[in-house]
Structure formats: C-alpha cells, structure tokens
Amino acid sequence: MKDVLERLEDRRAEARLGGGQKRIDAQHARGKLTARERIELLVDKGSFEEFDMFVQHRCADFGMEKSHIPGDGVVTGWGTVNGRTVFIFSKDFTVFGGSLSGAHAAKITKIQDMALKARAPVIGLFDAGGARIQEGVDALGGYGEVFKRNVIASGVIPQISLIMGPCAGGDVYSPAMTDFIFMVKDTSYMFVTGPDVVKTVTNEVVTAEELGGASVHAVKSSVADGAYENDLEALLQMRRLIDFLPSNNTEGVPEIPSFDQPDRIDMSLDTLVPDNPNKPYDMKELILKTVDEGDFFEIQGKFAPNIITGFARLEGRSVGIVANQPMVLAGVLDSDASRKAARFVRFCDAFSIPILTFVDVPGFLPGTSQEYGGLIKHGAKLLFAYSQCTVPLVTVITRKAFGGAYDVMASKHIGGDINYAWPTAQIAVMGAKGAVEIIFRADMNDAEKIAARTKEYEERFLSPFVAAERGYIDEVIMPHSTRRRVARALSLLRHKAAETPWKKHDNIPL
C-alpha cells in the first residue's frame, strides 16, 4: 500500500510540474505566474479541488506520440472565493504552449457542464497559443464544443475570462462570448490573426501589443472590460468582482453586512452641480458618495468614458450603476457609450441585479461619423435593453435630460420604476438656446426678444416640475438625501414581479 501511495504522490508531483522547471522559470521571467499559482491566488486558501490531473492527449501524428505531459496544458477544477463556489480552468503555457487539443477541450467542457449543473460561475484564465496544429480538426471540434457551452450557459451563470498571456485564433471566441473579459497590461494580447499573418495578407507591420494588447482592447475596441498591471492585481480584482455577482440567474444578488447607514446624508451633494449649466462636474463623486462605503467596481472605465458602468452595493446588496459623465463630451450618448451601457444593462437584467441610473445627458452626439457608424441602431440597443428590463429600475436626473436621450436613460416611459429628479434637473426636448432659435426664428435679429423668449423657455421647461406635474417624475428630491431615497426605493422594489408576453427570444438591434 505504501508503494502505491508513493507512486501516486510521484505522479501528482510530475503533473504539478507541468512543462518542467525550465519552462516555469521562463514563465516567471516574463513576469507571469504559472497556471496553478494563479488558481491558488484566485481561490480561498486550500479550497481548490483539481480534476483530470492525469489526462493526456491521444495524437499520434508529427511525433506527438513521443511527447505526453499529464494535464495536457490546462488545469481544471473548482474552489471557493470568499466561501462561494466557482469553477475554474487555467491554461498552462508551459505545456505545449497551452495549445488546445481534443483532450484539453474535453477537460474544459467537463468543467463547463459541471458549473451549469451546480449553477456556479466559471472563470477561465487564458495563456495559450491557440489550437494544437498537430491535431487538426480534433482541435477545431474541441473549440466548437467549448463555444456551444458558452452560449448555453450565457444568462444562466456568470462567465468571466481573464487574459493573462497570448490568446489568439480560435481561443479568442470563447472569451468573446463570456460576460466579462479582463486583461493584464504588457503580457497579454488577443487577436484573431497575428502580426505575421497581418503582414502577409495586408502588408501592415504591427506588433502584438499594437494589434491586440490591453491598451487596444480596453480603450479602443471595447473587447476587454478592464486591464490590470500584473497577474496578482488581476486575480485579486476578480475575487472582488465575484463578490458583486450572483452565482446564477435564480439565486438573487449577494448580500453582505454593510457598515454604512442607509439614511446617511451628504450635504456636499447640494453644491455638486455648478450654477453654469455648461460647466462639467464629476459624476463619479455622486456615485461614490451614494453607494455603500464608497466601493465601486467600474466596468470598461477606459472605453467610452462619457458613460459610467459598474457594480456597487446599497444596504449590502449588489446594484448595477449606469451614469452619464459630464466630464467627458458633456455626458453625451454616442455609439460607443450606447453599446457599452446596453450590454451592461442586459447583464444586470439577466442576473436580477437592480439598476440605478444617474442622468445628465444633453442628447445624442451629432455628426456624420456617428450617423455613418450606425448611431441610430446603437442608440436603439440601449433603449431596447432598458425597455426589456424586469429588474428594479431607479433613476435620478441630476441636470440635463434632453431629447430622445431622456427617454433612453431609464425614463418612466420605458419602464423606470421610481424616477427622481434634483431641483437642478432640466427635462426638455433641447436646451433653451437651440429651442428658441427654432421656435422664434422670425425674431432672430431682435436680441431683446430672443433674450426674453430664452428666459421664458428656461422657466417653463428647464426644470423638473413640468415632468413632475405629469407624473413622469415621482419626486423632486434634495441632492443630499439621494442615498436615503435610492436605498428606500430599492428596498421597496426588492420583490418586484414583472410579467412579459411569451416569446422564443427577442430580436435586439445588434
């Protein structure tokens, strides 16, 4: 018996070594952790249970029959994050460059199936060179099996992808279908075709970082939801994110003890909005002063910063935040901002996370580049997403709510449950100057008449009271009481039940 146990330990030690100490040292020299080191940092200490440690590929072509390494380039299993179950697969770059084989894919799909049955999140740690060329269609078939499960699990369990090294070719499509993608600066990249292929086909000379690094996907393409300085920071932030997310679509949001009083007031908010309606202010200040303990996990902070999305808590319960940012483009809605917010809203609705919307929007961004880029359809995505929501929707208009953008930003008309406005709110078709120039075009040469008409328009429309008189605003509130009013509204709506007609699925304007 002792010999058998010793042999088991020897085989485990061999499997844990992956591609060997030399390759582990090379991984560390690149500033990267190994697959198992990453898992140990991600989960609670001692909680990881590994599956399929001894799985090996079955390829006998191109000399592969002479090379077998236990685990076959991916570490799979489950553990806990702050006591909550998560399933994990972590690509091991030290073993065949982390490339995907049929056996490798089967390990991942087993974890995906187990996670779906257990109704627990799946976290994928990517550091791999794509499909294993020696396996041909077996590798491609393996990708397809993984992709199909990504789609089946979508909206049922949270799926998170963390890109911690190369992620190319077929490897990129699985993360693309998950709920969130995060990257590590300087050491990770994602692209369908690499720099060499790009040079051959298009004659463009580009580096891997320029083609698909974190600086590209977190800022320009919106493929990534965020980027972190190193492996350690990325993994610790994933632990933080998991705390905000439900385990599945029926469990409801997590609730943790809060040391912040729900009726706390902040008098500084009474002076947050400047007297000059064209002067910007930082909407993040309002968010941080409203949520529990100033704790806000921003999503896609570097992309389309004219709108803010992220997670926070009120009375210890998770809430999604969507807010226009007057500091960037005056908080206007453009194509990128609309897409960003729409996807976030749909995620929250899928997992029954209430949504708090802060509104200061002068309208949609005009111009040929926006119109040619499909602003109409992109704006419709956000309108569709909010209109489709059955989760609690609480809206606070702080200043401008002009034109169609007023409707789009969780207005009463498209399903907002409780809609508040600050006394500084301006709800109208457009600003006073533009409106007067259209309505009183004949008086354009009379400065006194135009000034009088402008003042008349401002008094009549640029206030929250016209909307409040019609019931479109439930209450005009004092800014300093925002946290208390929002917390009470969310408490009231905790058991909201909304019925929608049966349909196979909707047809969102993609």
Protein backbone atom coordinates (compact mmCIF):
# COMPACT_ATOMS: atom_id res chain seq x y z
CA MET A 1 0.00 0.00 0.00
CA LYS A 2 2.82 2.38 0.87
CA ASP A 3 4.39 1.90 -2.57
CA VAL A 4 1.07 2.68 -4.26
CA LEU A 5 0.67 5.88 -2.26
CA GLU A 6 4.22 6.92 -3.06
CA ARG A 7 3.65 6.32 -6.76
CA LEU A 8 0.51 8.44 -6.60
CA GLU A 9 2.42 11.27 -4.98
CA ASP A 10 5.16 10.97 -7.62
CA ARG A 11 2.60 11.17 -10.42
CA ARG A 12 0.93 14.17 -8.79
CA ALA A 13 4.27 15.91 -8.40
CA GLU A 14 5.05 15.27 -12.07
CA ALA A 15 1.67 16.68 -13.14
CA ARG A 16 2.04 19.77 -10.95
CA LEU A 17 5.40 20.49 -12.56
CA GLY A 18 3.68 20.99 -15.94
CA GLY A 19 6.23 21.56 -18.66
CA GLY A 20 9.13 21.38 -16.23
CA GLN A 21 11.12 23.75 -14.07
CA LYS A 22 12.95 25.34 -17.01
CA ARG A 23 9.68 26.43 -18.60
CA ILE A 24 8.28 27.55 -15.24
CA ASP A 25 11.37 29.75 -14.80
CA ALA A 26 10.82 31.17 -18.29
CA GLN A 27 7.20 31.95 -17.37
CA HIS A 28 8.34 33.80 -14.26
CA ALA A 29 10.99 35.66 -16.27
CA ARG A 30 8.20 37.10 -18.43
CA GLY A 31 6.54 38.47 -15.32
CA LYS A 32 3.81 35.82 -15.40
CA LEU A 33 2.64 33.27 -12.84
CA THR A 34 2.02 29.63 -13.68
CA ALA A 35 -1.46 28.17 -14.16
CA ARG A 36 -1.54 26.66 -10.68
CA GLU A 37 -0.06 29.71 -8.98
CA ARG A 38 -2.83 31.80 -10.50
CA ILE A 39 -5.52 29.47 -9.22
CA GLU A 40 -4.07 29.50 -5.71
CA LEU A 41 -4.24 33.30 -5.65
CA LEU A 42 -7.76 33.38 -7.06
CA VAL A 43 -9.49 30.96 -4.69
CA ASP A 44 -9.66 30.71 -0.92
CA LYS A 45 -6.59 29.07 0.56
CA GLY A 46 -6.75 25.29 0.38
CA SER A 47 -10.13 25.23 -1.36
CA PHE A 48 -9.09 24.17 -4.87
CA GLU A 49 -10.02 20.64 -5.94
CA GLU A 50 -8.38 19.66 -9.21
CA PHE A 51 -9.97 17.36 -11.80
CA ASP A 52 -8.37 15.43 -14.67
CA MET A 53 -4.80 15.95 -13.48
CA PHE A 54 -3.56 12.92 -15.43
CA VAL A 55 -5.36 13.45 -18.74
CA GLN A 56 -3.09 13.20 -21.80
CA HIS A 57 -3.62 13.82 -25.50
CA ARG A 58 -4.19 10.94 -27.93
CA CYS A 59 -2.49 12.41 -31.00
CA ALA A 60 -0.03 10.15 -32.85
CA ASP A 61 0.88 12.50 -35.73
CA PHE A 62 4.00 14.59 -36.32
CA GLY A 63 5.91 12.99 -33.45
CA MET A 64 3.30 13.85 -30.81
CA GLU A 65 3.14 10.19 -29.74
CA LYS A 66 6.59 10.71 -28.18
CA SER A 67 5.51 13.67 -26.06
CA HIS A 68 2.96 13.28 -23.30
CA ILE A 69 2.62 15.63 -20.32
CA PRO A 70 -0.03 15.00 -17.63
CA GLY A 71 -2.80 17.59 -17.69
CA ASP A 72 -2.28 18.42 -21.37
CA GLY A 73 -1.91 22.16 -20.95
CA VAL A 74 -4.89 23.12 -18.84
CA VAL A 75 -5.60 22.91 -15.09
CA THR A 76 -9.28 22.43 -14.22
CA GLY A 77 -11.31 22.14 -11.04
CA TRP A 78 -13.35 24.07 -8.52
CA GLY A 79 -12.80 26.10 -5.38
CA THR A 80 -14.36 28.89 -3.39
CA VAL A 81 -14.00 32.68 -3.47
CA ASN A 82 -14.92 34.12 -0.09
CA GLY A 83 -16.84 30.92 0.57
CA ARG A 84 -18.79 30.86 -2.72
CA THR A 85 -18.26 28.07 -5.26
CA VAL A 86 -16.56 28.82 -8.58
CA PHE A 87 -15.36 26.54 -11.36
CA ILE A 88 -12.02 27.29 -12.99
CA PHE A 89 -9.90 26.34 -15.96
CA SER A 90 -6.41 27.78 -16.25
CA LYS A 91 -4.34 27.37 -19.40
CA ASP A 92 -0.78 26.21 -18.77
CA PHE A 93 1.62 27.88 -21.20
CA THR A 94 4.48 25.64 -20.03
CA VAL A 95 2.77 22.60 -21.59
CA PHE A 96 2.67 22.69 -25.40
CA GLY A 97 2.28 26.48 -25.16
CA GLY A 98 -1.17 25.94 -23.64
CA SER A 99 -2.45 24.93 -27.09
CA LEU A 100 -5.85 23.27 -27.29
CA SER A 101 -6.18 19.59 -28.21
CA GLY A 102 -9.22 17.32 -28.16
CA ALA A 103 -8.33 16.09 -24.67
CA HIS A 104 -7.60 19.62 -23.49
CA ALA A 105 -11.01 20.81 -24.75
CA ALA A 106 -12.75 17.86 -23.06
CA LYS A 107 -11.33 18.97 -19.72
CA ILE A 108 -12.75 22.45 -20.22
CA THR A 109 -16.18 21.27 -21.36
CA LYS A 110 -16.40 18.94 -18.36
CA ILE A 111 -15.90 21.94 -16.08
CA GLN A 112 -18.44 23.98 -18.04
CA ASP A 113 -21.01 21.19 -17.73
CA MET A 114 -20.37 20.79 -14.01
CA ALA A 115 -20.68 24.55 -13.45
CA LEU A 116 -24.01 24.64 -15.27
CA LYS A 117 -25.36 21.74 -13.22
CA ALA A 118 -24.11 23.29 -9.98
CA ARG A 119 -25.30 26.76 -11.07
CA ALA A 120 -21.96 28.36 -10.19
CA PRO A 121 -19.74 30.85 -12.07
CA VAL A 122 -17.00 29.77 -14.48
CA ILE A 123 -13.69 31.63 -14.59
CA GLY A 124 -11.28 30.98 -17.46
CA LEU A 125 -7.62 32.02 -17.18
CA PHE A 126 -6.15 32.24 -20.70
CA ASP A 127 -2.47 31.97 -21.57
CA ALA A 128 -2.16 29.91 -24.73
CA GLY A 129 -1.10 29.80 -28.36
CA GLY A 130 -4.37 28.71 -29.94
CA ALA A 131 -5.25 25.35 -31.50
CA ARG A 132 -2.74 22.50 -31.48
CA ILE A 133 -1.90 22.31 -35.15
CA GLN A 134 -0.84 18.65 -34.99
CA GLU A 135 -4.41 17.64 -34.09
CA GLY A 136 -6.14 19.46 -36.95
CA VAL A 137 -9.90 19.08 -36.92
CA ASP A 138 -9.92 17.48 -33.44
CA ALA A 139 -8.73 20.80 -32.04
CA LEU A 140 -11.27 22.75 -34.09
CA GLY A 141 -14.03 20.39 -32.94
CA GLY A 142 -12.89 20.94 -29.37
CA TYR A 143 -13.24 24.69 -29.78
CA GLY A 144 -16.76 24.25 -31.11
CA GLU A 145 -17.75 22.18 -28.07
CA VAL A 146 -16.46 24.91 -25.76
CA PHE A 147 -18.22 27.66 -27.74
CA LYS A 148 -21.57 25.87 -27.66
CA ARG A 149 -21.41 25.59 -23.88
CA ASN A 150 -20.53 29.29 -23.57
CA VAL A 151 -23.80 30.06 -25.34
CA ILE A 152 -25.88 27.60 -23.31
CA ALA A 153 -24.51 28.99 -20.04
CA SER A 154 -24.98 32.63 -21.09
CA GLY A 155 -27.52 34.32 -18.83
CA VAL A 156 -27.64 31.28 -16.52
CA ILE A 157 -24.28 31.50 -14.74
CA PRO A 158 -21.68 34.30 -14.80
CA GLN A 159 -18.76 33.59 -17.12
CA ILE A 160 -15.53 35.55 -16.66
CA SER A 161 -12.41 35.44 -18.83
CA LEU A 162 -9.03 36.68 -17.65
CA ILE A 163 -6.44 37.04 -20.44
CA MET A 164 -3.01 36.60 -18.86
CA GLY A 165 -0.84 35.85 -21.89
CA PRO A 166 -1.35 35.07 -25.57
CA CYS A 167 -4.92 34.44 -26.72
CA ALA A 168 -5.11 34.01 -30.47
CA GLY A 169 -7.10 32.37 -33.24
CA GLY A 170 -9.95 30.17 -32.06
CA ASP A 171 -9.06 30.86 -28.42
CA VAL A 172 -10.47 34.40 -28.61
CA TYR A 173 -14.06 33.43 -29.36
CA SER A 174 -14.76 31.68 -26.08
CA PRO A 175 -13.84 34.78 -24.04
CA ALA A 176 -15.79 36.92 -26.50
CA MET A 177 -18.99 35.06 -25.56
CA THR A 178 -18.45 35.33 -21.82
CA ASP A 179 -19.86 38.13 -19.66
CA PHE A 180 -16.60 39.87 -18.82
CA ILE A 181 -13.07 39.93 -20.23
CA PHE A 182 -10.13 41.38 -18.33
CA MET A 183 -6.51 41.62 -19.47
CA VAL A 184 -3.06 42.11 -17.99
CA LYS A 185 -1.03 45.01 -19.34
CA ASP A 186 2.09 44.27 -21.39
CA THR A 187 1.90 40.48 -21.01
CA SER A 188 -1.45 39.64 -22.61
CA TYR A 189 -2.91 40.11 -26.06
CA MET A 190 -5.89 38.94 -28.10
CA PHE A 191 -6.29 38.77 -31.87
CA VAL A 192 -7.84 36.51 -34.48
CA THR A 193 -4.75 36.63 -36.71
CA GLY A 194 -1.26 37.52 -35.50
CA PRO A 195 1.22 40.14 -36.72
CA ASP A 196 2.92 37.77 -39.18
CA VAL A 197 -0.34 36.87 -40.92
CA VAL A 198 -1.41 40.51 -40.96
CA LYS A 199 1.87 41.47 -42.65
CA THR A 200 1.49 38.72 -45.24
CA VAL A 201 -2.13 39.50 -46.11
CA THR A 202 -2.39 43.29 -45.73
CA ASN A 203 1.28 44.33 -45.71
CA GLU A 204 0.75 46.09 -42.38
CA VAL A 205 3.66 45.98 -39.95
CA VAL A 206 2.33 45.85 -36.40
CA THR A 207 3.44 44.44 -33.05
CA ALA A 208 1.38 42.05 -30.94
CA GLU A 209 0.74 44.85 -28.42
CA GLU A 210 -0.37 47.29 -31.11
CA LEU A 211 -2.60 44.67 -32.70
CA GLY A 212 -4.30 43.23 -29.66
CA GLY A 213 -2.77 44.35 -26.38
CA ALA A 214 -4.63 45.53 -23.30
CA SER A 215 -4.16 49.15 -24.37
CA VAL A 216 -6.11 48.39 -27.57
CA HIS A 217 -8.94 46.25 -26.23
CA ALA A 218 -9.63 48.16 -23.02
CA VAL A 219 -9.57 51.58 -24.70
CA LYS A 220 -10.40 51.29 -28.42
CA SER A 221 -12.17 48.06 -29.34
CA SER A 222 -14.17 47.51 -26.11
CA VAL A 223 -13.33 43.78 -26.27
CA ALA A 224 -11.89 43.97 -22.73
CA ASP A 225 -13.78 45.29 -19.71
CA GLY A 226 -10.61 46.33 -17.92
CA ALA A 227 -6.83 45.92 -17.73
CA TYR A 228 -4.56 45.42 -14.73
CA GLU A 229 -0.88 45.98 -14.10
CA ASN A 230 0.09 42.36 -13.34
CA ASP A 231 -1.22 38.87 -12.62
CA LEU A 232 -1.54 39.49 -8.88
CA GLU A 233 -3.69 42.62 -9.21
CA ALA A 234 -5.87 40.98 -11.85
CA LEU A 235 -6.59 37.92 -9.73
CA LEU A 236 -7.34 39.94 -6.59
CA GLN A 237 -9.73 42.14 -8.57
CA MET A 238 -11.51 39.02 -9.84
CA ARG A 239 -12.10 37.99 -6.23
CA ARG A 240 -13.62 41.41 -5.66
CA LEU A 241 -15.83 41.18 -8.75
CA ILE A 242 -17.20 37.76 -7.79
CA ASP A 243 -18.44 39.27 -4.52
CA PHE A 244 -20.79 41.54 -6.50
CA LEU A 245 -22.23 38.83 -8.75
CA PRO A 246 -25.00 36.28 -8.12
CA SER A 247 -23.94 32.67 -8.55
CA ASN A 248 -26.70 32.13 -11.13
CA ASN A 249 -29.80 33.68 -12.63
CA THR A 250 -32.21 32.49 -9.93
CA GLU A 251 -30.24 32.94 -6.71
CA GLY A 252 -30.55 36.72 -6.40
CA VAL A 253 -27.84 39.23 -5.61
CA PRO A 254 -25.35 38.51 -2.83
CA GLU A 255 -25.84 40.42 0.40
CA ILE A 256 -23.04 41.24 2.80
CA PRO A 257 -23.06 43.18 6.09
CA SER A 258 -22.79 46.93 5.50
CA PHE A 259 -21.25 49.35 7.95
CA ASP A 260 -22.72 52.33 6.10
CA GLN A 261 -26.03 53.77 7.28
CA PRO A 262 -28.72 53.71 4.57
CA ASP A 263 -30.11 57.08 5.72
CA ARG A 264 -26.70 58.80 5.61
CA ILE A 265 -26.88 62.25 4.05
CA ASP A 266 -24.09 64.16 2.33
CA MET A 267 -24.57 67.92 2.30
CA SER A 268 -21.75 68.40 -0.22
CA LEU A 269 -24.02 66.98 -2.93
CA ASP A 270 -26.16 70.12 -2.70
CA THR A 271 -23.35 72.02 -4.41
CA LEU A 272 -22.17 69.31 -6.80
CA VAL A 273 -23.98 70.67 -9.86
CA PRO A 274 -22.48 74.03 -10.94
CA ASP A 275 -24.67 77.10 -11.47
CA ASN A 276 -23.42 77.30 -15.05
CA PRO A 277 -25.33 74.56 -16.95
CA ASN A 278 -22.42 74.15 -19.37
CA LYS A 279 -19.82 73.56 -16.67
CA PRO A 280 -18.87 69.91 -16.08
CA TYR A 281 -18.67 68.06 -12.78
CA ASP A 282 -17.54 64.54 -11.88
CA MET A 283 -20.46 62.10 -11.76
CA LYS A 284 -18.21 59.57 -10.01
CA GLU A 285 -18.26 61.81 -6.96
CA LEU A 286 -22.03 61.33 -6.74
CA ILE A 287 -21.69 57.57 -7.22
CA LEU A 288 -19.04 57.19 -4.52
CA LYS A 289 -21.00 59.34 -2.06
CA THR A 290 -24.22 57.39 -2.67
CA VAL A 291 -23.12 53.72 -2.55
CA ASP A 292 -22.02 51.69 0.47
CA GLU A 293 -18.60 52.69 1.78
CA GLY A 294 -17.61 54.33 -1.50
CA ASP A 295 -16.98 50.90 -3.01
CA PHE A 296 -17.50 50.95 -6.79
CA PHE A 297 -16.22 48.32 -9.26
CA GLU A 298 -16.13 50.04 -12.64
CA ILE A 299 -16.62 48.10 -15.89
CA GLN A 300 -14.99 49.39 -19.10
CA GLY A 301 -13.68 52.50 -17.37
CA LYS A 302 -11.30 53.39 -20.22
CA PHE A 303 -13.75 52.85 -23.08
CA ALA A 304 -16.47 55.42 -23.86
CA PRO A 305 -15.82 57.28 -20.58
CA ASN A 306 -18.75 59.61 -21.33
CA ILE A 307 -20.87 56.91 -19.68
CA ILE A 308 -20.02 55.07 -16.46
CA THR A 309 -20.96 51.47 -15.74
CA GLY A 310 -20.12 49.26 -12.80
CA PHE A 311 -21.20 47.50 -9.62
CA ALA A 312 -21.74 48.80 -6.11
CA ARG A 313 -23.84 47.99 -3.05
CA LEU A 314 -26.70 49.67 -1.25
CA GLU A 315 -27.66 48.28 2.16
CA GLY A 316 -25.22 45.44 1.46
CA ARG A 317 -26.94 44.29 -1.74
CA SER A 318 -25.39 44.47 -5.20
CA VAL A 319 -26.66 47.07 -7.65
CA GLY A 320 -25.61 47.97 -11.20
CA ILE A 321 -24.78 51.62 -11.83
CA VAL A 322 -25.20 53.41 -15.17
CA ALA A 323 -24.38 57.12 -15.25
CA ASN A 324 -23.67 59.84 -17.79
CA GLN A 325 -20.30 61.53 -17.18
CA PRO A 326 -20.42 65.32 -17.78
CA MET A 327 -16.62 65.44 -17.57
CA VAL A 328 -16.32 63.70 -20.97
CA LEU A 329 -18.11 65.04 -24.07
CA ALA A 330 -20.60 66.66 -21.67
CA GLY A 331 -22.03 63.20 -20.97
CA VAL A 332 -23.48 62.89 -24.47
CA LEU A 333 -24.61 59.49 -25.78
CA ASP A 334 -22.68 58.25 -28.80
CA SER A 335 -22.43 54.85 -30.47
CA ASP A 336 -19.73 53.53 -28.14
CA ALA A 337 -21.45 54.72 -24.96
CA SER A 338 -24.77 53.24 -26.09
CA ARG A 339 -23.23 49.82 -26.83
CA LYS A 340 -21.27 49.82 -23.59
CA ALA A 341 -24.28 50.66 -21.42
CA ALA A 342 -26.65 48.35 -23.31
CA ARG A 343 -24.50 45.29 -22.75
CA PHE A 344 -24.10 46.13 -19.07
CA VAL A 345 -27.84 46.67 -18.61
CA ARG A 346 -28.60 43.33 -20.26
CA PHE A 347 -26.15 41.53 -17.97
CA CYS A 348 -27.77 43.07 -14.89
CA ASP A 349 -31.24 42.15 -16.10
CA ALA A 350 -30.20 38.57 -16.89
CA PHE A 351 -28.94 38.07 -13.34
CA SER A 352 -31.62 40.07 -11.48
CA ILE A 353 -29.28 42.86 -10.40
CA PRO A 354 -31.20 46.12 -9.75
CA ILE A 355 -30.05 49.09 -11.82
CA LEU A 356 -29.51 52.63 -10.54
CA THR A 357 -29.23 55.24 -13.31
CA PHE A 358 -27.84 58.76 -12.85
CA VAL A 359 -28.81 61.05 -15.73
CA ASP A 360 -27.12 64.18 -17.06
CA VAL A 361 -27.33 63.87 -20.82
CA PRO A 362 -27.58 66.68 -23.39
CA GLY A 363 -28.64 64.28 -26.14
CA PHE A 364 -27.05 62.08 -28.78
CA LEU A 365 -23.78 63.12 -30.40
CA PRO A 366 -24.40 64.74 -33.82
CA GLY A 367 -22.18 64.35 -36.88
CA THR A 368 -21.56 62.32 -39.99
CA SER A 369 -19.15 59.91 -38.29
CA GLN A 370 -21.84 58.94 -35.79
CA GLU A 371 -24.60 58.63 -38.35
CA TYR A 372 -22.41 56.67 -40.76
CA GLY A 373 -21.35 54.47 -37.85
CA GLY A 374 -24.92 53.46 -37.07
CA LEU A 375 -25.74 55.69 -34.12
CA ILE A 376 -29.45 55.05 -34.67
CA LYS A 377 -29.09 51.31 -34.16
CA HIS A 378 -26.51 51.62 -31.39
CA GLY A 379 -28.71 54.06 -29.51
CA ALA A 380 -31.63 51.69 -30.03
CA LYS A 381 -29.64 48.94 -28.29
CA LEU A 382 -29.63 50.89 -25.05
CA LEU A 383 -33.29 51.82 -25.47
CA PHE A 384 -34.12 48.16 -26.11
CA ALA A 385 -32.05 46.95 -23.16
CA TYR A 386 -33.73 49.27 -20.65
CA SER A 387 -37.21 48.66 -22.08
CA GLN A 388 -36.69 44.91 -21.77
CA CYS A 389 -35.65 45.06 -18.10
CA THR A 390 -37.75 43.37 -15.44
CA VAL A 391 -35.32 44.19 -12.60
CA PRO A 392 -35.89 47.20 -10.33
CA LEU A 393 -35.00 50.44 -12.15
CA VAL A 394 -34.35 53.55 -10.08
CA THR A 395 -33.41 56.74 -11.93
CA VAL A 396 -32.06 60.07 -10.65
CA ILE A 397 -31.87 63.05 -13.04
CA THR A 398 -29.26 65.46 -11.73
CA ARG A 399 -29.21 68.04 -14.51
CA LYS A 400 -29.81 67.73 -18.26
CA ALA A 401 -32.20 65.19 -19.75
CA PHE A 402 -32.70 66.40 -23.30
CA GLY A 403 -34.42 64.92 -26.32
CA GLY A 404 -34.60 61.22 -27.06
CA ALA A 405 -31.72 60.64 -24.66
CA TYR A 406 -34.13 61.50 -21.80
CA ASP A 407 -36.36 58.62 -22.89
CA VAL A 408 -33.46 56.21 -23.35
CA MET A 409 -31.89 56.72 -19.92
CA ALA A 410 -34.37 54.61 -17.92
CA SER A 411 -37.21 57.10 -18.09
CA LYS A 412 -40.65 56.37 -16.66
CA HIS A 413 -41.95 55.85 -20.17
CA ILE A 414 -39.77 52.80 -20.92
CA GLY A 415 -40.09 51.07 -17.57
CA GLY A 416 -38.38 53.11 -14.86
CA ASP A 417 -39.98 52.13 -11.56
CA ILE A 418 -39.05 55.12 -9.42
CA ASN A 419 -37.74 58.25 -11.08
CA TYR A 420 -36.34 61.10 -9.01
CA ALA A 421 -35.01 64.48 -10.09
CA TRP A 422 -32.82 67.02 -8.34
CA PRO A 423 -34.09 70.64 -8.31
CA THR A 424 -31.31 71.37 -10.84
CA ALA A 425 -32.82 68.94 -13.38
CA GLN A 426 -33.65 70.25 -16.86
CA ILE A 427 -36.04 68.00 -18.77
CA ALA A 428 -36.81 69.23 -22.27
CA VAL A 429 -36.57 68.47 -25.97
CA MET A 430 -33.37 70.52 -26.13
CA GLY A 431 -31.50 73.39 -24.47
CA ALA A 432 -33.08 76.82 -24.33
CA LYS A 433 -30.84 78.48 -26.92
CA GLY A 434 -31.45 75.89 -29.63
CA ALA A 435 -35.17 75.69 -28.89
CA VAL A 436 -35.71 79.44 -29.06
CA GLU A 437 -33.76 79.72 -32.32
CA ILE A 438 -36.16 77.21 -33.87
CA ILE A 439 -39.45 78.33 -32.34
CA PHE A 440 -38.84 82.08 -32.75
CA ARG A 441 -36.81 82.08 -35.93
CA ALA A 442 -38.54 85.27 -37.10
CA ASP A 443 -37.19 87.19 -34.08
CA MET A 444 -33.56 86.16 -34.55
CA ASN A 445 -32.46 89.73 -35.33
CA ASP A 446 -34.06 91.17 -32.18
CA ALA A 447 -31.67 90.46 -29.28
CA GLU A 448 -34.10 91.67 -26.61
CA LYS A 449 -36.94 89.46 -27.83
CA ILE A 450 -34.65 86.45 -28.09
CA ALA A 451 -33.36 87.03 -24.53
CA ALA A 452 -36.91 87.30 -23.23
CA ARG A 453 -38.01 84.17 -25.11
CA THR A 454 -34.99 82.28 -23.82
CA LYS A 455 -35.80 83.21 -20.23
CA GLU A 456 -39.43 82.22 -20.80
CA TYR A 457 -38.39 78.83 -22.18
CA GLU A 458 -35.98 78.21 -19.30
CA GLU A 459 -38.65 78.99 -16.71
CA ARG A 460 -41.26 76.88 -18.46
CA PHE A 461 -39.25 73.80 -19.45
CA LEU A 462 -35.77 73.76 -17.93
CA SER A 463 -36.91 72.48 -14.58
CA PRO A 464 -38.11 69.14 -13.24
CA PHE A 465 -41.57 70.42 -12.35
CA VAL A 466 -43.28 70.10 -15.73
CA ALA A 467 -42.39 66.41 -15.76
CA ALA A 468 -43.34 66.11 -12.08
CA GLU A 469 -46.73 67.71 -12.77
CA ARG A 470 -47.44 64.94 -15.27
CA GLY A 471 -46.23 62.12 -13.01
CA TYR A 472 -43.17 61.36 -15.14
CA ILE A 473 -41.00 62.23 -12.13
CA ASP A 474 -42.11 60.63 -8.88
CA GLU A 475 -40.48 63.23 -6.65
CA VAL A 476 -38.10 66.17 -6.78
CA ILE A 477 -35.56 65.38 -4.07
CA MET A 478 -32.81 67.21 -2.26
CA PRO A 479 -29.39 66.13 -3.55
CA HIS A 480 -28.08 65.47 -0.04
CA SER A 481 -30.82 62.87 0.52
CA THR A 482 -30.03 60.86 -2.63
CA ARG A 483 -28.59 57.85 -0.81
CA ARG A 484 -31.53 57.59 1.56
CA ARG A 485 -34.15 57.94 -1.18
CA VAL A 486 -32.45 55.47 -3.51
CA ALA A 487 -31.90 52.91 -0.74
CA ARG A 488 -35.58 53.10 0.25
CA ALA A 489 -36.67 52.79 -3.39
CA LEU A 490 -34.57 49.68 -3.92
CA SER A 491 -35.89 48.21 -0.68
CA LEU A 492 -39.45 48.85 -1.85
CA LEU A 493 -38.75 47.15 -5.19
CA ARG A 494 -36.91 44.15 -3.77
CA HIS A 495 -39.76 41.77 -4.62
CA LYS A 496 -40.77 43.40 -7.90
CA ALA A 497 -42.50 40.98 -10.28
CA ALA A 498 -42.95 41.95 -13.93
CA GLU A 499 -44.76 39.83 -16.49
CA THR A 500 -43.84 39.86 -20.17
CA PRO A 501 -45.52 38.04 -23.06
CA TRP A 502 -44.08 34.67 -24.07
CA LYS A 503 -41.54 34.73 -26.87
CA LYS A 504 -38.82 32.41 -28.08
CA HIS A 505 -36.39 35.30 -27.90
CA ASP A 506 -36.28 38.95 -28.83
CA ASN A 507 -34.58 40.50 -31.83
CA ILE A 508 -32.41 43.23 -30.33
CA PRO A 509 -30.94 45.63 -32.96
CA LEU A 510 -27.43 44.15 -32.92
